[in-house]
């Protein structure tokens, strides 16, 4: 019987790109169908959906990007969101027998026919975000890797941070005061990343080797997640 493919998201694959990643934590993540205590606030999904609607509306209405996205190039359109669903957006790598999946936030079309894969972040760009860059680079390059295998002309990847305007000035601006509530503005900050498709196949092989271990490997010293798992295990046994 053929070995079953390992399914992994491009985001999870990014854990392997972190210099001090914990192999024990990733082994557990790859083997567990569902992990507890992973709650993602619904407000961020709503903001993400609204962000795309605003950008797509502006592209449809004007045929070009708003000024605050001009740094990404001459944008002219975008791919249908249905193309980005994980049921379609996937690739089975024969060398590693890993099914790489994901759901990119957006794929924008440039005037020259190329496409740009972007991920929207509702967050301020801080030093903590810098620490996440190895994960984000792998995640977006994983998406780009899938896109290329599907025949899409993706030739760039970028992060777009939408930083909330929460200072005293916008809080006191009458334009932000509405009869039924208030308006919260966001400022775009563009962070282009290097396109490095060659980094993905070795990580797929590494993920497969880790998954195939019969038992979880040792964790890294000082891993807080490992400590939490051990504490829970001790509590329930």
Foldseek 3Di string as FASTA:
>chain_A
DDDAFQEDELLLLLLVLQPQRWLLVSLCVSPDPDDPPDDDDPVVVVVLVVVVVVQQVCLVVPQFGDPLCCVVDTWGHWDDQVCQDQVNQWDQDPVLSHIYTDGFSTWTAHPVGAIEGEHEAAADDDVVVVSCVSSVLSNFLSSVLSCVVVVHRHDFYKYKYWYKDDDPVQVPDPVQQDPVGGDIHTHIDIGTDDNDNVVHPVSSNVSSVSNPPPHRDDTDPPDPVVVVVVVVVVVVD
